[in-house]
Amino acid sequence: MGDHRLTKKSLKEIAGDVAYELFIPDYVKVIRSAMSSAQGDMKSAEAKGIAELELEAAKQKVLMEFQAHQARVSQELAIAERISTSSDVEITEYYDASGKGHAGLTASESSVTAGVGGEGRKVTHRVIKFTGFSKPVAGDDVG
């Protein structure tokens, strides 16, 4: 008879796998997979030396910025879709990204003083409220 080796999983492991597949949203699975892959890439680069690690860190930064941009676009599309199906929409947004800086040099007979300074302020407030669902108007082409 052939040697059939089956891996045994405990009931707890099986239940965990089933729960993961049923209850964890796909986008969370994708994020988890990407994080795991990124960690593997970083460990691989770390073993090759500092130059390779710095290169991989730069790649990861660009990738994360791209994914953050995609997430913002997806969020705006979801908001637009919800706006199109709502009976009432209330949007309140405030954005202020301001900053200022200065540098100076002062000289007198007894001393020279140099200095730099800056301040920044970021205010972000966004509230979007949706109420109900709009009903199609007669004559609108649905589909």
N, C-alpha and C. Protein backbone atom coordinates (compact mmCIF):
# COMPACT_ATOMS: atom_id res chain seq x y z
N MET A 1 0.84 -1.17 0.00
CA MET A 1 0.00 0.00 0.00
C MET A 1 0.88 1.23 0.00
N GLY A 2 0.44 2.27 -0.67
CA GLY A 2 1.19 3.52 -0.75
C GLY A 2 1.20 4.24 0.59
N ASP A 3 2.20 5.05 0.76
CA ASP A 3 2.33 5.83 1.99
C ASP A 3 1.56 7.14 1.82
N HIS A 4 0.38 7.19 2.39
CA HIS A 4 -0.44 8.39 2.32
C HIS A 4 -0.28 9.17 3.62
N ARG A 5 0.38 10.31 3.50
CA ARG A 5 0.58 11.13 4.70
C ARG A 5 -0.39 12.30 4.63
N LEU A 6 -1.22 12.35 5.58
CA LEU A 6 -2.17 13.44 5.69
C LEU A 6 -1.73 14.36 6.81
N THR A 7 -1.82 15.62 6.56
CA THR A 7 -1.51 16.54 7.64
C THR A 7 -2.76 16.67 8.51
N LYS A 8 -2.54 16.61 9.77
CA LYS A 8 -3.67 16.70 10.70
C LYS A 8 -3.78 18.13 11.20
N LYS A 9 -4.98 18.63 11.15
CA LYS A 9 -5.27 19.94 11.70
C LYS A 9 -6.24 19.75 12.85
N SER A 10 -6.02 20.52 13.85
CA SER A 10 -6.95 20.43 14.98
C SER A 10 -8.27 21.09 14.59
N LEU A 11 -9.30 20.75 15.31
CA LEU A 11 -10.61 21.34 15.08
C LEU A 11 -10.54 22.85 15.24
N LYS A 12 -9.72 23.31 16.16
CA LYS A 12 -9.55 24.74 16.41
C LYS A 12 -8.94 25.42 15.18
N GLU A 13 -7.93 24.80 14.55
CA GLU A 13 -7.31 25.37 13.35
C GLU A 13 -8.30 25.41 12.19
N ILE A 14 -9.06 24.34 12.03
CA ILE A 14 -10.05 24.28 10.95
C ILE A 14 -11.11 25.35 11.16
N ALA A 15 -11.60 25.47 12.38
CA ALA A 15 -12.62 26.48 12.69
C ALA A 15 -12.06 27.89 12.43
N GLY A 16 -10.80 28.11 12.79
CA GLY A 16 -10.17 29.40 12.54
C GLY A 16 -10.08 29.71 11.05
N ASP A 17 -9.70 28.71 10.25
CA ASP A 17 -9.61 28.88 8.80
C ASP A 17 -10.98 29.19 8.19
N VAL A 18 -12.00 28.48 8.64
CA VAL A 18 -13.35 28.70 8.12
C VAL A 18 -13.83 30.10 8.51
N ALA A 19 -13.63 30.49 9.76
CA ALA A 19 -14.04 31.82 10.22
C ALA A 19 -13.32 32.91 9.43
N TYR A 20 -12.03 32.71 9.18
CA TYR A 20 -11.24 33.69 8.41
C TYR A 20 -11.85 33.87 7.02
N GLU A 21 -12.16 32.76 6.35
CA GLU A 21 -12.71 32.83 5.00
C GLU A 21 -14.11 33.43 4.98
N LEU A 22 -14.91 33.16 6.00
CA LEU A 22 -16.30 33.63 6.01
C LEU A 22 -16.45 35.08 6.48
N PHE A 23 -15.67 35.48 7.49
CA PHE A 23 -15.94 36.74 8.16
C PHE A 23 -14.95 37.86 7.89
N ILE A 24 -13.80 37.56 7.35
CA ILE A 24 -12.82 38.60 7.09
C ILE A 24 -13.04 39.13 5.67
N PRO A 25 -13.26 40.45 5.54
CA PRO A 25 -13.48 41.02 4.20
C PRO A 25 -12.26 40.82 3.30
N ASP A 26 -12.52 40.73 2.01
CA ASP A 26 -11.43 40.49 1.04
C ASP A 26 -10.37 41.57 1.10
N TYR A 27 -10.77 42.85 1.29
CA TYR A 27 -9.76 43.90 1.31
C TYR A 27 -8.80 43.75 2.49
N VAL A 28 -9.29 43.21 3.61
CA VAL A 28 -8.42 42.97 4.75
C VAL A 28 -7.44 41.84 4.43
N LYS A 29 -7.93 40.82 3.72
CA LYS A 29 -7.06 39.71 3.32
C LYS A 29 -5.95 40.21 2.39
N VAL A 30 -6.30 41.12 1.46
CA VAL A 30 -5.32 41.67 0.54
C VAL A 30 -4.27 42.48 1.30
N ILE A 31 -4.71 43.31 2.24
CA ILE A 31 -3.78 44.11 3.04
C ILE A 31 -2.85 43.20 3.83
N ARG A 32 -3.43 42.18 4.43
CA ARG A 32 -2.63 41.25 5.24
C ARG A 32 -1.58 40.54 4.36
N SER A 33 -1.99 40.13 3.17
CA SER A 33 -1.08 39.47 2.25
C SER A 33 0.03 40.42 1.80
N ALA A 34 -0.33 41.66 1.49
CA ALA A 34 0.67 42.65 1.06
C ALA A 34 1.66 42.94 2.18
N MET A 35 1.17 43.05 3.40
CA MET A 35 2.06 43.31 4.55
C MET A 35 3.01 42.14 4.75
N SER A 36 2.50 40.94 4.64
CA SER A 36 3.32 39.74 4.80
C SER A 36 4.39 39.68 3.72
N SER A 37 3.99 39.97 2.48
CA SER A 37 4.92 39.97 1.36
C SER A 37 5.99 41.04 1.54
N ALA A 38 5.58 42.23 1.99
CA ALA A 38 6.52 43.33 2.20
C ALA A 38 7.53 42.97 3.29
N GLN A 39 7.07 42.33 4.35
CA GLN A 39 7.97 41.93 5.42
C GLN A 39 8.98 40.90 4.92
N GLY A 40 8.53 39.99 4.08
CA GLY A 40 9.44 38.99 3.51
C GLY A 40 10.49 39.65 2.63
N ASP A 41 10.06 40.62 1.80
CA ASP A 41 11.00 41.34 0.95
C ASP A 41 12.03 42.11 1.77
N MET A 42 11.57 42.72 2.87
CA MET A 42 12.49 43.48 3.73
C MET A 42 13.50 42.55 4.39
N LYS A 43 13.05 41.40 4.87
CA LYS A 43 13.98 40.45 5.51
C LYS A 43 15.00 39.92 4.51
N SER A 44 14.55 39.67 3.29
CA SER A 44 15.46 39.20 2.25
C SER A 44 16.50 40.27 1.93
N ALA A 45 16.06 41.52 1.81
CA ALA A 45 16.99 42.62 1.52
C ALA A 45 17.94 42.86 2.69
N GLU A 46 17.44 42.70 3.90
CA GLU A 46 18.27 42.90 5.10
C GLU A 46 19.45 41.93 5.11
N ALA A 47 19.21 40.71 4.67
CA ALA A 47 20.26 39.70 4.64
C ALA A 47 21.33 40.03 3.60
N LYS A 48 20.98 40.84 2.59
CA LYS A 48 21.92 41.17 1.51
C LYS A 48 22.76 42.41 1.80
N GLY A 49 22.43 43.14 2.85
CA GLY A 49 23.24 44.30 3.20
C GLY A 49 22.44 45.59 3.20
N ILE A 50 23.09 46.63 3.69
CA ILE A 50 22.41 47.91 3.90
C ILE A 50 21.97 48.55 2.58
N ALA A 51 22.77 48.46 1.54
CA ALA A 51 22.40 49.09 0.26
C ALA A 51 21.12 48.45 -0.30
N GLU A 52 21.05 47.14 -0.25
CA GLU A 52 19.86 46.43 -0.73
C GLU A 52 18.65 46.75 0.15
N LEU A 53 18.88 46.86 1.45
CA LEU A 53 17.81 47.20 2.39
C LEU A 53 17.26 48.60 2.11
N GLU A 54 18.15 49.55 1.87
CA GLU A 54 17.71 50.91 1.56
C GLU A 54 16.92 50.95 0.26
N LEU A 55 17.36 50.21 -0.73
CA LEU A 55 16.64 50.13 -2.01
C LEU A 55 15.25 49.54 -1.81
N GLU A 56 15.17 48.47 -1.05
CA GLU A 56 13.87 47.82 -0.80
C GLU A 56 12.96 48.76 0.00
N ALA A 57 13.52 49.49 0.97
CA ALA A 57 12.72 50.45 1.75
C ALA A 57 12.16 51.54 0.84
N ALA A 58 12.97 52.01 -0.10
CA ALA A 58 12.50 53.02 -1.05
C ALA A 58 11.37 52.46 -1.92
N LYS A 59 11.52 51.22 -2.38
CA LYS A 59 10.47 50.58 -3.18
C LYS A 59 9.18 50.46 -2.37
N GLN A 60 9.31 50.04 -1.11
CA GLN A 60 8.13 49.86 -0.25
C GLN A 60 7.43 51.20 -0.03
N LYS A 61 8.21 52.28 0.13
CA LYS A 61 7.62 53.60 0.34
C LYS A 61 6.80 54.01 -0.88
N VAL A 62 7.35 53.83 -2.08
CA VAL A 62 6.63 54.17 -3.30
C VAL A 62 5.36 53.32 -3.43
N LEU A 63 5.49 52.03 -3.14
CA LEU A 63 4.34 51.12 -3.21
C LEU A 63 3.24 51.54 -2.23
N MET A 64 3.63 51.88 -1.01
CA MET A 64 2.63 52.30 -0.01
C MET A 64 1.96 53.61 -0.42
N GLU A 65 2.71 54.55 -0.99
CA GLU A 65 2.11 55.80 -1.44
C GLU A 65 1.11 55.53 -2.56
N PHE A 66 1.46 54.62 -3.47
CA PHE A 66 0.56 54.26 -4.57
C PHE A 66 -0.70 53.60 -4.02
N GLN A 67 -0.55 52.69 -3.08
CA GLN A 67 -1.72 52.01 -2.50
C GLN A 67 -2.59 52.99 -1.72
N ALA A 68 -1.97 53.96 -1.03
CA ALA A 68 -2.74 54.98 -0.31
C ALA A 68 -3.55 55.82 -1.30
N HIS A 69 -2.94 56.16 -2.44
CA HIS A 69 -3.63 56.92 -3.47
C HIS A 69 -4.82 56.12 -4.01
N GLN A 70 -4.60 54.82 -4.28
CA GLN A 70 -5.69 53.97 -4.77
C GLN A 70 -6.83 53.90 -3.75
N ALA A 71 -6.48 53.85 -2.47
CA ALA A 71 -7.50 53.78 -1.42
C ALA A 71 -8.31 55.08 -1.39
N ARG A 72 -7.64 56.23 -1.55
CA ARG A 72 -8.37 57.50 -1.57
C ARG A 72 -9.31 57.57 -2.78
N VAL A 73 -8.84 57.12 -3.93
CA VAL A 73 -9.69 57.11 -5.13
C VAL A 73 -10.90 56.20 -4.92
N SER A 74 -10.67 55.01 -4.37
CA SER A 74 -11.77 54.08 -4.10
C SER A 74 -12.77 54.69 -3.13
N GLN A 75 -12.27 55.39 -2.11
CA GLN A 75 -13.15 56.02 -1.14
C GLN A 75 -14.00 57.10 -1.81
N GLU A 76 -13.40 57.92 -2.64
CA GLU A 76 -14.15 58.97 -3.32
C GLU A 76 -15.18 58.39 -4.28
N LEU A 77 -14.84 57.31 -4.96
CA LEU A 77 -15.81 56.66 -5.85
C LEU A 77 -16.98 56.08 -5.05
N ALA A 78 -16.69 55.50 -3.90
CA ALA A 78 -17.76 54.95 -3.05
C ALA A 78 -18.67 56.07 -2.55
N ILE A 79 -18.07 57.20 -2.19
CA ILE A 79 -18.87 58.35 -1.74
C ILE A 79 -19.75 58.86 -2.89
N ALA A 80 -19.17 58.98 -4.07
CA ALA A 80 -19.93 59.44 -5.23
C ALA A 80 -21.09 58.50 -5.54
N GLU A 81 -20.84 57.21 -5.46
CA GLU A 81 -21.90 56.23 -5.70
C GLU A 81 -23.01 56.37 -4.67
N ARG A 82 -22.64 56.56 -3.41
CA ARG A 82 -23.65 56.70 -2.35
C ARG A 82 -24.42 58.01 -2.52
N ILE A 83 -23.74 59.07 -2.93
CA ILE A 83 -24.42 60.34 -3.18
C ILE A 83 -25.49 60.15 -4.25
N SER A 84 -25.16 59.40 -5.29
CA SER A 84 -26.11 59.21 -6.40
C SER A 84 -27.34 58.41 -5.99
N THR A 85 -27.26 57.67 -4.90
CA THR A 85 -28.41 56.86 -4.49
C THR A 85 -29.10 57.40 -3.23
N SER A 86 -28.65 58.53 -2.71
CA SER A 86 -29.23 59.08 -1.48
C SER A 86 -30.32 60.09 -1.77
N SER A 87 -31.29 60.14 -0.86
CA SER A 87 -32.33 61.14 -1.01
C SER A 87 -31.85 62.49 -0.48
N ASP A 88 -31.05 62.48 0.58
CA ASP A 88 -30.48 63.71 1.14
C ASP A 88 -29.00 63.48 1.42
N VAL A 89 -28.20 64.50 1.11
CA VAL A 89 -26.76 64.43 1.37
C VAL A 89 -26.33 65.73 2.01
N GLU A 90 -25.59 65.62 3.08
CA GLU A 90 -25.03 66.80 3.74
C GLU A 90 -23.51 66.62 3.80
N ILE A 91 -22.79 67.57 3.24
CA ILE A 91 -21.33 67.48 3.21
C ILE A 91 -20.76 68.74 3.84
N THR A 92 -19.87 68.57 4.79
CA THR A 92 -19.15 69.67 5.42
C THR A 92 -17.68 69.34 5.35
N GLU A 93 -16.91 70.19 4.74
CA GLU A 93 -15.47 69.94 4.63
C GLU A 93 -14.70 71.20 4.98
N TYR A 94 -13.64 71.08 5.71
CA TYR A 94 -12.70 72.17 5.97
C TYR A 94 -11.32 71.62 5.69
N TYR A 95 -10.53 72.33 4.96
CA TYR A 95 -9.15 71.93 4.74
C TYR A 95 -8.29 73.17 4.88
N ASP A 96 -7.24 73.10 5.62
CA ASP A 96 -6.27 74.19 5.73
C ASP A 96 -4.92 73.56 5.96
N ALA A 97 -4.08 73.67 5.00
CA ALA A 97 -2.71 73.17 5.16
C ALA A 97 -1.80 74.37 4.95
N SER A 98 -1.49 75.03 6.03
CA SER A 98 -0.66 76.22 5.91
C SER A 98 0.60 76.05 6.74
N GLY A 99 1.58 76.80 6.39
CA GLY A 99 2.83 76.76 7.13
C GLY A 99 3.66 77.94 6.75
N LYS A 100 4.56 78.29 7.63
CA LYS A 100 5.47 79.37 7.33
C LYS A 100 6.80 79.09 8.01
N GLY A 101 7.81 79.65 7.45
CA GLY A 101 9.14 79.44 8.00
C GLY A 101 9.98 80.69 7.80
N HIS A 102 11.06 80.74 8.54
CA HIS A 102 11.96 81.87 8.41
C HIS A 102 13.38 81.45 8.75
N ALA A 103 14.30 82.19 8.21
CA ALA A 103 15.72 81.99 8.52
C ALA A 103 16.33 83.37 8.64
N GLY A 104 17.26 83.50 9.53
CA GLY A 104 17.84 84.83 9.70
C GLY A 104 19.28 84.78 10.15
N LEU A 105 19.94 85.89 9.94
CA LEU A 105 21.33 86.05 10.35
C LEU A 105 21.47 87.47 10.86
N THR A 106 21.97 87.60 12.06
CA THR A 106 22.17 88.91 12.66
C THR A 106 23.64 89.04 13.03
N ALA A 107 24.23 90.14 12.66
CA ALA A 107 25.64 90.37 13.00
C ALA A 107 25.77 91.70 13.71
N SER A 108 26.58 91.68 14.75
CA SER A 108 26.92 92.92 15.44
C SER A 108 28.42 92.91 15.70
N GLU A 109 28.91 93.93 16.35
CA GLU A 109 30.35 94.01 16.59
C GLU A 109 30.85 92.84 17.43
N SER A 110 30.02 92.37 18.35
CA SER A 110 30.49 91.35 19.28
C SER A 110 30.01 89.93 18.98
N SER A 111 29.02 89.77 18.12
CA SER A 111 28.51 88.42 17.88
C SER A 111 27.85 88.28 16.53
N VAL A 112 27.69 87.03 16.14
CA VAL A 112 26.93 86.69 14.95
C VAL A 112 25.89 85.65 15.39
N THR A 113 24.65 85.86 15.05
CA THR A 113 23.58 84.96 15.43
C THR A 113 22.84 84.49 14.18
N ALA A 114 22.66 83.20 14.08
CA ALA A 114 21.90 82.64 12.97
C ALA A 114 20.77 81.80 13.54
N GLY A 115 19.66 81.77 12.84
CA GLY A 115 18.56 80.95 13.33
C GLY A 115 17.57 80.63 12.24
N VAL A 116 16.86 79.56 12.46
CA VAL A 116 15.78 79.15 11.57
C VAL A 116 14.58 78.78 12.42
N GLY A 117 13.42 78.92 11.87
CA GLY A 117 12.22 78.54 12.60
C GLY A 117 11.09 78.29 11.64
N GLY A 118 10.08 77.68 12.14
CA GLY A 118 8.93 77.41 11.29
C GLY A 118 7.76 76.96 12.11
N GLU A 119 6.62 77.04 11.49
CA GLU A 119 5.41 76.52 12.13
C GLU A 119 4.49 76.02 11.04
N GLY A 120 3.72 75.07 11.39
CA GLY A 120 2.78 74.51 10.42
C GLY A 120 1.46 74.26 11.09
N ARG A 121 0.44 74.21 10.29
CA ARG A 121 -0.89 73.96 10.82
C ARG A 121 -1.65 73.15 9.80
N LYS A 122 -2.33 72.13 10.25
CA LYS A 122 -3.14 71.33 9.34
C LYS A 122 -4.49 71.12 10.01
N VAL A 123 -5.51 71.55 9.35
CA VAL A 123 -6.87 71.37 9.85
C VAL A 123 -7.61 70.56 8.80
N THR A 124 -8.12 69.45 9.18
CA THR A 124 -8.92 68.65 8.27
C THR A 124 -10.18 68.23 9.01
N HIS A 125 -11.30 68.49 8.42
CA HIS A 125 -12.57 68.09 9.02
C HIS A 125 -13.49 67.72 7.87
N ARG A 126 -14.00 66.54 7.89
CA ARG A 126 -14.87 66.11 6.80
C ARG A 126 -16.02 65.31 7.38
N VAL A 127 -17.22 65.76 7.14
CA VAL A 127 -18.41 65.05 7.59
C VAL A 127 -19.31 64.87 6.37
N ILE A 128 -19.67 63.66 6.09
CA ILE A 128 -20.59 63.38 4.98
C ILE A 128 -21.72 62.53 5.54
N LYS A 129 -22.94 63.06 5.44
CA LYS A 129 -24.10 62.34 5.97
C LYS A 129 -25.04 62.01 4.82
N PHE A 130 -25.43 60.75 4.78
CA PHE A 130 -26.37 60.28 3.77
C PHE A 130 -27.66 59.89 4.46
N THR A 131 -28.78 60.24 3.86
CA THR A 131 -30.06 59.87 4.42
C THR A 131 -30.90 59.21 3.35
N GLY A 132 -31.39 58.03 3.66
CA GLY A 132 -32.32 57.34 2.78
C GLY A 132 -31.75 56.99 1.42
N PHE A 133 -32.62 56.52 0.58
CA PHE A 133 -32.26 56.17 -0.79
C PHE A 133 -33.21 56.87 -1.73
N SER A 134 -32.69 57.41 -2.81
CA SER A 134 -33.54 58.09 -3.77
C SER A 134 -34.30 57.06 -4.60
N LYS A 135 -35.45 57.45 -5.04
CA LYS A 135 -36.25 56.57 -5.87
C LYS A 135 -36.06 57.01 -7.32
N PRO A 136 -35.95 56.05 -8.22
CA PRO A 136 -35.79 56.41 -9.64
C PRO A 136 -36.97 57.24 -10.12
N VAL A 137 -36.66 58.23 -10.92
CA VAL A 137 -37.70 59.08 -11.49
C VAL A 137 -38.25 58.37 -12.72
N ALA A 138 -39.56 58.47 -12.93
CA ALA A 138 -40.19 57.80 -14.08
C ALA A 138 -39.52 58.31 -15.35
N GLY A 139 -39.16 57.40 -16.20
CA GLY A 139 -38.50 57.77 -17.44
C GLY A 139 -36.99 57.61 -17.39
N ASP A 140 -36.43 57.47 -16.18
CA ASP A 140 -34.97 57.23 -16.07
C ASP A 140 -34.67 55.83 -16.57
N ASP A 141 -33.62 55.72 -17.31
CA ASP A 141 -33.21 54.41 -17.84
C ASP A 141 -32.36 53.72 -16.79
N VAL A 142 -32.91 52.70 -16.16
CA VAL A 142 -32.18 51.94 -15.14
C VAL A 142 -31.62 50.68 -15.79
N GLY A 143 -30.29 50.52 -15.70
CA GLY A 143 -29.72 49.30 -16.26
C GLY A 143 -28.91 49.59 -17.38
